[in-house]
Each structure stands twice: as C-alpha cells, then as structure tokens.
Amino acid sequence: MNKLKAVKFLVFVLTFLLVIGTLMCLTLIYRHARGENKPDTSAPSVLKLGEPTGSQISKLYANDGRLHIVVQYGGLPDRIIVLSPDNQKIEQKISIE
C-alpha cells in the first residue's frame, strides 16, 4: 500500500512540473511574439563629444566598464575623454600637456 502512495505522489509531482513547464514555455513564446524581449533601441545614434573642428580620435580603450577615447589635434593639446556606456555621458576630460 505504501508503494502505491509513493507512485501516486510521484505521478502528481511529475504532472505538476509538466504543467508548470508548459505554461512557462507558452508565456515565453507569447512574450517573444509580442516583442517584449527586444533590446532597447532608444539610445541616441549620434553622440557628440563637444570637441573642436579638426579633432581626431586616435585610440579607443575599454577599461573598468568605461570607454577611454584619446583625442588629438583640433587646436588643443592631446586629451582623453572618459565615456560611461550606461548613460552615454562624458564623465571626465583629461588634458595631456
């Protein structure tokens, strides 16, 4: 009799897991069809660094989750611009003299 109870319990648990898994799969398919999992494209396509005309980007470095841009020319000494990818804002300008 105990073996029958164990088998019934096992069948109940497996049925429960099957139903929950099916519902989760259908939910993911529904969300994908509605486009809820698409990446955020609201970021601006143009980012202005505010550098004078004639400036050139000579090197790019990624460090500590930030983008370091080495800028030359444009009538100013060489400089490094530290850009945060989170909010796409300039965090710091470092002038190299």
PDB file of N, CA and C in Angstrom:
ATOM      1  N   MET A   1       0.815  -1.188   0.000  1.00  0.00           N
ATOM      2  CA  MET A   1       0.000   0.000   0.000  1.00  0.00           C
ATOM      3  C   MET A   1       0.862   1.257   0.000  1.00  0.00           C
ATOM      4  N   ASN A   2       2.009   1.214   0.717  1.00  0.00           N
ATOM      5  CA  ASN A   2       2.900   2.361   0.762  1.00  0.00           C
ATOM      6  C   ASN A   2       3.542   2.631  -0.600  1.00  0.00           C
ATOM      7  N   LYS A   3       3.807   1.543  -1.343  1.00  0.00           N
ATOM      8  CA  LYS A   3       4.387   1.714  -2.671  1.00  0.00           C
ATOM      9  C   LYS A   3       3.400   2.413  -3.598  1.00  0.00           C
ATOM     10  N   LEU A   4       2.129   2.129  -3.470  1.00  0.00           N
ATOM     11  CA  LEU A   4       1.106   2.748  -4.301  1.00  0.00           C
ATOM     12  C   LEU A   4       0.984   4.247  -3.992  1.00  0.00           C
ATOM     13  N   LYS A   5       1.092   4.593  -2.719  1.00  0.00           N
ATOM     14  CA  LYS A   5       1.055   6.012  -2.343  1.00  0.00           C
ATOM     15  C   LYS A   5       2.272   6.751  -2.897  1.00  0.00           C
ATOM     16  N   ALA A   6       3.429   6.113  -2.855  1.00  0.00           N
ATOM     17  CA  ALA A   6       4.648   6.733  -3.383  1.00  0.00           C
ATOM     18  C   ALA A   6       4.533   6.941  -4.894  1.00  0.00           C
ATOM     19  N   VAL A   7       3.986   5.973  -5.610  1.00  0.00           N
ATOM     20  CA  VAL A   7       3.817   6.084  -7.060  1.00  0.00           C
ATOM     21  C   VAL A   7       2.818   7.197  -7.379  1.00  0.00           C
ATOM     22  N   LYS A   8       1.714   7.277  -6.628  1.00  0.00           N
ATOM     23  CA  LYS A   8       0.720   8.341  -6.844  1.00  0.00           C
ATOM     24  C   LYS A   8       1.334   9.719  -6.607  1.00  0.00           C
ATOM     25  N   PHE A   9       2.126   9.829  -5.556  1.00  0.00           N
ATOM     26  CA  PHE A   9       2.772  11.101  -5.260  1.00  0.00           C
ATOM     27  C   PHE A   9       3.763  11.482  -6.374  1.00  0.00           C
ATOM     28  N   LEU A  10       4.526  10.518  -6.843  1.00  0.00           N
ATOM     29  CA  LEU A  10       5.481  10.764  -7.919  1.00  0.00           C
ATOM     30  C   LEU A  10       4.764  11.206  -9.192  1.00  0.00           C
ATOM     31  N   VAL A  11       3.651  10.563  -9.523  1.00  0.00           N
ATOM     32  CA  VAL A  11       2.869  10.947 -10.701  1.00  0.00           C
ATOM     33  C   VAL A  11       2.322  12.358 -10.528  1.00  0.00           C
ATOM     34  N   PHE A  12       1.849  12.692  -9.344  1.00  0.00           N
ATOM     35  CA  PHE A  12       1.334  14.041  -9.076  1.00  0.00           C
ATOM     36  C   PHE A  12       2.425  15.096  -9.260  1.00  0.00           C
ATOM     37  N   VAL A  13       3.600  14.850  -8.718  1.00  0.00           N
ATOM     38  CA  VAL A  13       4.702  15.810  -8.819  1.00  0.00           C
ATOM     39  C   VAL A  13       5.131  15.973 -10.274  1.00  0.00           C
ATOM     40  N   LEU A  14       5.273  14.896 -11.001  1.00  0.00           N
ATOM     41  CA  LEU A  14       5.689  14.980 -12.399  1.00  0.00           C
ATOM     42  C   LEU A  14       4.640  15.695 -13.250  1.00  0.00           C
ATOM     43  N   THR A  15       3.372  15.464 -12.989  1.00  0.00           N
ATOM     44  CA  THR A  15       2.305  16.156 -13.713  1.00  0.00           C
ATOM     45  C   THR A  15       2.338  17.648 -13.409  1.00  0.00           C
ATOM     46  N   PHE A  16       2.543  17.990 -12.152  1.00  0.00           N
ATOM     47  CA  PHE A  16       2.637  19.388 -11.756  1.00  0.00           C
ATOM     48  C   PHE A  16       3.798  20.075 -12.478  1.00  0.00           C
ATOM     49  N   LEU A  17       4.957  19.442 -12.491  1.00  0.00           N
ATOM     50  CA  LEU A  17       6.119  20.015 -13.179  1.00  0.00           C
ATOM     51  C   LEU A  17       5.879  20.148 -14.679  1.00  0.00           C
ATOM     52  N   LEU A  18       5.206  19.192 -15.267  1.00  0.00           N
ATOM     53  CA  LEU A  18       4.896  19.250 -16.693  1.00  0.00           C
ATOM     54  C   LEU A  18       3.968  20.419 -17.013  1.00  0.00           C
ATOM     55  N   VAL A  19       2.949  20.613 -16.195  1.00  0.00           N
ATOM     56  CA  VAL A  19       2.007  21.710 -16.417  1.00  0.00           C
ATOM     57  C   VAL A  19       2.712  23.063 -16.230  1.00  0.00           C
ATOM     58  N   ILE A  20       3.482  23.226 -15.186  1.00  0.00           N
ATOM     59  CA  ILE A  20       4.198  24.481 -14.935  1.00  0.00           C
ATOM     60  C   ILE A  20       5.196  24.764 -16.060  1.00  0.00           C
ATOM     61  N   GLY A  21       5.935  23.761 -16.496  1.00  0.00           N
ATOM     62  CA  GLY A  21       6.892  23.934 -17.593  1.00  0.00           C
ATOM     63  C   GLY A  21       6.213  24.335 -18.884  1.00  0.00           C
ATOM     64  N   THR A  22       5.069  23.734 -19.180  1.00  0.00           N
ATOM     65  CA  THR A  22       4.319  24.080 -20.389  1.00  0.00           C
ATOM     66  C   THR A  22       3.828  25.518 -20.333  1.00  0.00           C
ATOM     67  N   LEU A  23       3.312  25.938 -19.171  1.00  0.00           N
ATOM     68  CA  LEU A  23       2.850  27.320 -19.026  1.00  0.00           C
ATOM     69  C   LEU A  23       3.999  28.324 -19.169  1.00  0.00           C
ATOM     70  N   MET A  24       5.148  28.010 -18.623  1.00  0.00           N
ATOM     71  CA  MET A  24       6.298  28.896 -18.762  1.00  0.00           C
ATOM     72  C   MET A  24       6.745  28.986 -20.214  1.00  0.00           C
ATOM     73  N   CYS A  25       6.758  27.871 -20.903  1.00  0.00           N
ATOM     74  CA  CYS A  25       7.149  27.855 -22.314  1.00  0.00           C
ATOM     75  C   CYS A  25       6.170  28.681 -23.154  1.00  0.00           C
ATOM     76  N   LEU A  26       4.894  28.529 -22.919  1.00  0.00           N
ATOM     77  CA  LEU A  26       3.893  29.310 -23.656  1.00  0.00           C
ATOM     78  C   LEU A  26       4.011  30.797 -23.354  1.00  0.00           C
ATOM     79  N   THR A  27       4.316  31.140 -22.108  1.00  0.00           N
ATOM     80  CA  THR A  27       4.496  32.538 -21.741  1.00  0.00           C
ATOM     81  C   THR A  27       5.689  33.142 -22.477  1.00  0.00           C
ATOM     82  N   LEU A  28       6.795  32.417 -22.551  1.00  0.00           N
ATOM     83  CA  LEU A  28       7.972  32.910 -23.263  1.00  0.00           C
ATOM     84  C   LEU A  28       7.689  33.075 -24.755  1.00  0.00           C
ATOM     85  N   ILE A  29       6.971  32.152 -25.344  1.00  0.00           N
ATOM     86  CA  ILE A  29       6.621  32.252 -26.764  1.00  0.00           C
ATOM     87  C   ILE A  29       5.721  33.453 -26.984  1.00  0.00           C
ATOM     88  N   TYR A  30       4.766  33.684 -26.105  1.00  0.00           N
ATOM     89  CA  TYR A  30       3.858  34.826 -26.225  1.00  0.00           C
ATOM     90  C   TYR A  30       4.622  36.144 -26.109  1.00  0.00           C
ATOM     91  N   ARG A  31       5.530  36.237 -25.139  1.00  0.00           N
ATOM     92  CA  ARG A  31       6.310  37.463 -24.971  1.00  0.00           C
ATOM     93  C   ARG A  31       7.210  37.717 -26.177  1.00  0.00           C
ATOM     94  N   HIS A  32       7.789  36.668 -26.697  1.00  0.00           N
ATOM     95  CA  HIS A  32       8.652  36.824 -27.858  1.00  0.00           C
ATOM     96  C   HIS A  32       7.841  37.279 -29.076  1.00  0.00           C
ATOM     97  N   ALA A  33       6.656  36.751 -29.236  1.00  0.00           N
ATOM     98  CA  ALA A  33       5.808  37.129 -30.367  1.00  0.00           C
ATOM     99  C   ALA A  33       5.350  38.588 -30.251  1.00  0.00           C
ATOM    100  N   ARG A  34       5.135  39.066 -29.038  1.00  0.00           N
ATOM    101  CA  ARG A  34       4.715  40.459 -28.832  1.00  0.00           C
ATOM    102  C   ARG A  34       5.892  41.416 -28.900  1.00  0.00           C
ATOM    103  N   GLY A  35       7.108  40.915 -28.843  1.00  0.00           N
ATOM    104  CA  GLY A  35       8.290  41.757 -28.939  1.00  0.00           C
ATOM    105  C   GLY A  35       8.716  42.356 -27.623  1.00  0.00           C
ATOM    106  N   GLU A  36       8.355  41.774 -26.500  1.00  0.00           N
ATOM    107  CA  GLU A  36       8.723  42.319 -25.201  1.00  0.00           C
ATOM    108  C   GLU A  36      10.190  42.079 -24.865  1.00  0.00           C
ATOM    109  N   ASN A  37      10.849  41.170 -25.547  1.00  0.00           N
ATOM    110  CA  ASN A  37      12.242  40.856 -25.238  1.00  0.00           C
ATOM    111  C   ASN A  37      13.215  41.539 -26.185  1.00  0.00           C
ATOM    112  N   LYS A  38      12.763  42.511 -26.957  1.00  0.00           N
ATOM    113  CA  LYS A  38      13.651  43.196 -27.886  1.00  0.00           C
ATOM    114  C   LYS A  38      14.563  44.138 -27.115  1.00  0.00           C
ATOM    115  N   PRO A  39      15.796  44.337 -27.614  1.00  0.00           N
ATOM    116  CA  PRO A  39      16.708  45.249 -26.923  1.00  0.00           C
ATOM    117  C   PRO A  39      16.236  46.688 -27.018  1.00  0.00           C
ATOM    118  N   ASP A  40      16.686  47.477 -26.073  1.00  0.00           N
ATOM    119  CA  ASP A  40      16.314  48.890 -26.017  1.00  0.00           C
ATOM    120  C   ASP A  40      17.040  49.645 -27.123  1.00  0.00           C
ATOM    121  N   THR A  41      16.283  50.213 -28.050  1.00  0.00           N
ATOM    122  CA  THR A  41      16.878  50.957 -29.162  1.00  0.00           C
ATOM    123  C   THR A  41      16.650  52.449 -29.002  1.00  0.00           C
ATOM    124  N   SER A  42      16.346  52.883 -27.801  1.00  0.00           N
ATOM    125  CA  SER A  42      16.077  54.292 -27.576  1.00  0.00           C
ATOM    126  C   SER A  42      17.356  55.118 -27.407  1.00  0.00           C
ATOM    127  N   ALA A  43      18.510  54.458 -27.410  1.00  0.00           N
ATOM    128  CA  ALA A  43      19.769  55.170 -27.260  1.00  0.00           C
ATOM    129  C   ALA A  43      20.021  56.025 -28.504  1.00  0.00           C
ATOM    130  N   PRO A  44      20.615  57.183 -28.316  1.00  0.00           N
ATOM    131  CA  PRO A  44      20.854  58.045 -29.474  1.00  0.00           C
ATOM    132  C   PRO A  44      21.857  57.412 -30.431  1.00  0.00           C
ATOM    133  N   SER A  45      21.646  57.628 -31.728  1.00  0.00           N
ATOM    134  CA  SER A  45      22.545  57.056 -32.713  1.00  0.00           C
ATOM    135  C   SER A  45      23.772  57.943 -32.925  1.00  0.00           C
ATOM    136  N   VAL A  46      23.699  59.202 -32.517  1.00  0.00           N
ATOM    137  CA  VAL A  46      24.817  60.128 -32.649  1.00  0.00           C
ATOM    138  C   VAL A  46      25.184  60.641 -31.265  1.00  0.00           C
ATOM    139  N   LEU A  47      26.447  60.563 -30.946  1.00  0.00           N
ATOM    140  CA  LEU A  47      26.943  61.058 -29.666  1.00  0.00           C
ATOM    141  C   LEU A  47      27.962  62.149 -29.955  1.00  0.00           C
ATOM    142  N   LYS A  48      27.726  63.345 -29.488  1.00  0.00           N
ATOM    143  CA  LYS A  48      28.629  64.471 -29.724  1.00  0.00           C
ATOM    144  C   LYS A  48      29.565  64.611 -28.536  1.00  0.00           C
ATOM    145  N   LEU A  49      30.858  64.637 -28.836  1.00  0.00           N
ATOM    146  CA  LEU A  49      31.862  64.767 -27.785  1.00  0.00           C
ATOM    147  C   LEU A  49      32.154  66.215 -27.443  1.00  0.00           C
ATOM    148  N   GLY A  50      31.721  67.145 -28.262  1.00  0.00           N
ATOM    149  CA  GLY A  50      31.946  68.560 -27.982  1.00  0.00           C
ATOM    150  C   GLY A  50      33.372  68.996 -28.218  1.00  0.00           C
ATOM    151  N   GLU A  51      34.063  68.344 -29.115  1.00  0.00           N
ATOM    152  CA  GLU A  51      35.439  68.692 -29.436  1.00  0.00           C
ATOM    153  C   GLU A  51      35.468  69.649 -30.631  1.00  0.00           C
ATOM    154  N   PRO A  52      36.500  70.492 -30.715  1.00  0.00           N
ATOM    155  CA  PRO A  52      36.567  71.449 -31.815  1.00  0.00           C
ATOM    156  C   PRO A  52      36.799  70.766 -33.167  1.00  0.00           C
ATOM    157  N   THR A  53      36.500  71.518 -34.225  1.00  0.00           N
ATOM    158  CA  THR A  53      36.695  71.014 -35.585  1.00  0.00           C
ATOM    159  C   THR A  53      38.172  70.706 -35.807  1.00  0.00           C
ATOM    160  N   GLY A  54      38.435  69.596 -36.456  1.00  0.00           N
ATOM    161  CA  GLY A  54      39.810  69.168 -36.715  1.00  0.00           C
ATOM    162  C   GLY A  54      40.310  68.140 -35.722  1.00  0.00           C
ATOM    163  N   SER A  55      39.555  67.872 -34.693  1.00  0.00           N
ATOM    164  CA  SER A  55      39.955  66.860 -33.705  1.00  0.00           C
ATOM    165  C   SER A  55      39.836  65.476 -34.330  1.00  0.00           C
ATOM    166  N   GLN A  56      40.737  64.588 -33.919  1.00  0.00           N
ATOM    167  CA  GLN A  56      40.724  63.220 -34.419  1.00  0.00           C
ATOM    168  C   GLN A  56      40.819  62.249 -33.252  1.00  0.00           C
ATOM    169  N   ILE A  57      40.055  61.189 -33.350  1.00  0.00           N
ATOM    170  CA  ILE A  57      40.147  60.111 -32.361  1.00  0.00           C
ATOM    171  C   ILE A  57      41.295  59.212 -32.799  1.00  0.00           C
ATOM    172  N   SER A  58      42.305  59.097 -31.937  1.00  0.00           N
ATOM    173  CA  SER A  58      43.458  58.285 -32.319  1.00  0.00           C
ATOM    174  C   SER A  58      43.389  56.871 -31.752  1.00  0.00           C
ATOM    175  N   LYS A  59      42.821  56.705 -30.558  1.00  0.00           N
ATOM    176  CA  LYS A  59      42.740  55.371 -29.951  1.00  0.00           C
ATOM    177  C   LYS A  59      41.497  55.272 -29.083  1.00  0.00           C
ATOM    178  N   LEU A  60      41.027  54.051 -28.922  1.00  0.00           N
ATOM    179  CA  LEU A  60      39.899  53.745 -28.033  1.00  0.00           C
ATOM    180  C   LEU A  60      40.332  52.629 -27.091  1.00  0.00           C
ATOM    181  N   TYR A  61      40.024  52.784 -25.821  1.00  0.00           N
ATOM    182  CA  TYR A  61      40.318  51.761 -24.823  1.00  0.00           C
ATOM    183  C   TYR A  61      39.070  51.509 -23.989  1.00  0.00           C
ATOM    184  N   ALA A  62      38.831  50.250 -23.676  1.00  0.00           N
ATOM    185  CA  ALA A  62      37.758  49.895 -22.752  1.00  0.00           C
ATOM    186  C   ALA A  62      38.414  49.440 -21.454  1.00  0.00           C
ATOM    187  N   ASN A  63      38.046  50.088 -20.342  1.00  0.00           N
ATOM    188  CA  ASN A  63      38.647  49.764 -19.063  1.00  0.00           C
ATOM    189  C   ASN A  63      37.641  50.056 -17.959  1.00  0.00           C
ATOM    190  N   ASP A  64      37.483  49.150 -17.025  1.00  0.00           N
ATOM    191  CA  ASP A  64      36.588  49.317 -15.869  1.00  0.00           C
ATOM    192  C   ASP A  64      35.161  49.632 -16.299  1.00  0.00           C
ATOM    193  N   GLY A  65      34.714  49.080 -17.402  1.00  0.00           N
ATOM    194  CA  GLY A  65      33.356  49.310 -17.858  1.00  0.00           C
ATOM    195  C   GLY A  65      33.148  50.682 -18.467  1.00  0.00           C
ATOM    196  N   ARG A  66      34.223  51.397 -18.768  1.00  0.00           N
ATOM    197  CA  ARG A  66      34.133  52.725 -19.371  1.00  0.00           C
ATOM    198  C   ARG A  66      34.958  52.750 -20.657  1.00  0.00           C
ATOM    199  N   LEU A  67      34.618  53.674 -21.519  1.00  0.00           N
ATOM    200  CA  LEU A  67      35.321  53.830 -22.775  1.00  0.00           C
ATOM    201  C   LEU A  67      36.236  55.043 -22.670  1.00  0.00           C
ATOM    202  N   HIS A  68      37.524  54.842 -22.902  1.00  0.00           N
ATOM    203  CA  HIS A  68      38.506  55.919 -22.881  1.00  0.00           C
ATOM    204  C   HIS A  68      38.852  56.245 -24.333  1.00  0.00           C
ATOM    205  N   ILE A  69      38.637  57.490 -24.716  1.00  0.00           N
ATOM    206  CA  ILE A  69      38.851  57.929 -26.085  1.00  0.00           C
ATOM    207  C   ILE A  69      40.015  58.914 -26.085  1.00  0.00           C
ATOM    208  N   VAL A  70      41.075  58.603 -26.838  1.00  0.00           N
ATOM    209  CA  VAL A  70      42.214  59.503 -26.958  1.00  0.00           C
ATOM    210  C   VAL A  70      41.965  60.389 -28.172  1.00  0.00           C
ATOM    211  N   VAL A  71      41.914  61.712 -27.939  1.00  0.00           N
ATOM    212  CA  VAL A  71      41.621  62.681 -28.996  1.00  0.00           C
ATOM    213  C   VAL A  71      42.845  63.566 -29.193  1.00  0.00           C
ATOM    214  N   GLN A  72      43.188  63.820 -30.469  1.00  0.00           N
ATOM    215  CA  GLN A  72      44.325  64.669 -30.803  1.00  0.00           C
ATOM    216  C   GLN A  72      43.890  65.785 -31.739  1.00  0.00           C
ATOM    217  N   TYR A  73      44.734  66.788 -31.841  1.00  0.00           N
ATOM    218  CA  TYR A  73      44.586  67.907 -32.777  1.00  0.00           C
ATOM    219  C   TYR A  73      43.375  68.772 -32.426  1.00  0.00           C
ATOM    220  N   GLY A  74      42.907  69.545 -33.364  1.00  0.00           N
ATOM    221  CA  GLY A  74      41.786  70.443 -33.129  1.00  0.00           C
ATOM    222  C   GLY A  74      42.182  71.709 -32.398  1.00  0.00           C
ATOM    223  N   GLY A  75      43.468  72.041 -32.385  1.00  0.00           N
ATOM    224  CA  GLY A  75      43.904  73.256 -31.721  1.00  0.00           C
ATOM    225  C   GLY A  75      44.057  73.135 -30.218  1.00  0.00           C
ATOM    226  N   LEU A  76      43.889  71.967 -29.679  1.00  0.00           N
ATOM    227  CA  LEU A  76      44.028  71.729 -28.234  1.00  0.00           C
ATOM    228  C   LEU A  76      45.083  70.659 -28.007  1.00  0.00           C
ATOM    229  N   PRO A  77      45.663  70.614 -26.788  1.00  0.00           N
ATOM    230  CA  PRO A  77      46.588  69.511 -26.506  1.00  0.00           C
ATOM    231  C   PRO A  77      45.856  68.171 -26.516  1.00  0.00           C
ATOM    232  N   ASP A  78      46.638  67.111 -26.641  1.00  0.00           N
ATOM    233  CA  ASP A  78      46.036  65.773 -26.621  1.00  0.00           C
ATOM    234  C   ASP A  78      45.222  65.599 -25.344  1.00  0.00           C
ATOM    235  N   ARG A  79      44.140  64.874 -25.454  1.00  0.00           N
ATOM    236  CA  ARG A  79      43.249  64.702 -24.316  1.00  0.00           C
ATOM    237  C   ARG A  79      42.597  63.321 -24.345  1.00  0.00           C
ATOM    238  N   ILE A  80      42.150  62.895 -23.168  1.00  0.00           N
ATOM    239  CA  ILE A  80      41.447  61.621 -23.013  1.00  0.00           C
ATOM    240  C   ILE A  80      40.051  61.935 -22.508  1.00  0.00           C
ATOM    241  N   ILE A  81      39.062  61.371 -23.162  1.00  0.00           N
ATOM    242  CA  ILE A  81      37.667  61.544 -22.761  1.00  0.00           C
ATOM    243  C   ILE A  81      37.189  60.211 -22.200  1.00  0.00           C
ATOM    244  N   VAL A  82      36.669  60.230 -20.988  1.00  0.00           N
ATOM    245  CA  VAL A  82      36.147  59.021 -20.344  1.00  0.00           C
ATOM    246  C   VAL A  82      34.632  59.038 -20.511  1.00  0.00           C
ATOM    247  N   LEU A  83      34.122  58.013 -21.175  1.00  0.00           N
ATOM    248  CA  LEU A  83      32.702  57.933 -21.513  1.00  0.00           C
ATOM    249  C   LEU A  83      32.059  56.763 -20.780  1.00  0.00           C
ATOM    250  N   SER A  84      30.931  57.014 -20.142  1.00  0.00           N
ATOM    251  CA  SER A  84      30.191  55.966 -19.447  1.00  0.00           C
ATOM    252  C   SER A  84      29.194  55.333 -20.410  1.00  0.00           C
ATOM    253  N   PRO A  85      29.232  54.020 -20.597  1.00  0.00           N
ATOM    254  CA  PRO A  85      28.296  53.392 -21.526  1.00  0.00           C
ATOM    255  C   PRO A  85      26.871  53.294 -20.973  1.00  0.00           C
ATOM    256  N   ASP A  86      26.718  53.428 -19.647  1.00  0.00           N
ATOM    257  CA  ASP A  86      25.395  53.316 -19.050  1.00  0.00           C
ATOM    258  C   ASP A  86      24.466  54.424 -19.511  1.00  0.00           C
ATOM    259  N   ASN A  87      24.932  55.664 -19.376  1.00  0.00           N
ATOM    260  CA  ASN A  87      24.082  56.794 -19.736  1.00  0.00           C
ATOM    261  C   ASN A  87      24.625  57.569 -20.931  1.00  0.00           C
ATOM    262  N   GLN A  88      25.707  57.079 -21.538  1.00  0.00           N
ATOM    263  CA  GLN A  88      26.356  57.686 -22.700  1.00  0.00           C
ATOM    264  C   GLN A  88      26.663  59.158 -22.463  1.00  0.00           C
ATOM    265  N   LYS A  89      27.218  59.437 -21.315  1.00  0.00           N
ATOM    266  CA  LYS A  89      27.615  60.795 -20.944  1.00  0.00           C
ATOM    267  C   LYS A  89      29.123  60.822 -20.720  1.00  0.00           C
ATOM    268  N   ILE A  90      29.711  61.990 -20.951  1.00  0.00           N
ATOM    269  CA  ILE A  90      31.128  62.180 -20.700  1.00  0.00           C
ATOM    270  C   ILE A  90      31.318  62.348 -19.195  1.00  0.00           C
ATOM    271  N   GLU A  91      32.113  61.462 -18.601  1.00  0.00           N
ATOM    272  CA  GLU A  91      32.356  61.523 -17.163  1.00  0.00           C
ATOM    273  C   GLU A  91      33.528  62.438 -16.826  1.00  0.00           C
ATOM    274  N   GLN A  92      34.550  62.431 -17.704  1.00  0.00           N
ATOM    275  CA  GLN A  92      35.756  63.166 -17.370  1.00  0.00           C
ATOM    276  C   GLN A  92      36.535  63.489 -18.640  1.00  0.00           C
ATOM    277  N   LYS A  93      37.177  64.652 -18.672  1.00  0.00           N
ATOM    278  CA  LYS A  93      38.096  65.018 -19.747  1.00  0.00           C
ATOM    279  C   LYS A  93      39.463  65.235 -19.120  1.00  0.00           C
ATOM    280  N   ILE A  94      40.459  64.541 -19.634  1.00  0.00           N
ATOM    281  CA  ILE A  94      41.816  64.626 -19.101  1.00  0.00           C
ATOM    282  C   ILE A  94      42.689  65.232 -20.193  1.00  0.00           C
ATOM    283  N   SER A  95      43.334  66.341 -19.899  1.00  0.00           N
ATOM    284  CA  SER A  95      44.187  67.017 -20.860  1.00  0.00           C
ATOM    285  C   SER A  95      45.626  66.553 -20.666  1.00  0.00           C
ATOM    286  N   ILE A  96      46.289  66.204 -21.768  1.00  0.00           N
ATOM    287  CA  ILE A  96      47.685  65.759 -21.725  1.00  0.00           C
ATOM    288  C   ILE A  96      48.526  66.878 -22.318  1.00  0.00           C
ATOM    289  N   GLU A  97      49.387  67.482 -21.518  1.00  0.00           N
ATOM    290  CA  GLU A  97      50.204  68.602 -21.996  1.00  0.00           C
ATOM    291  C   GLU A  97      51.644  68.230 -22.039  1.00  0.00           C
TER     292      GLU A  97
END
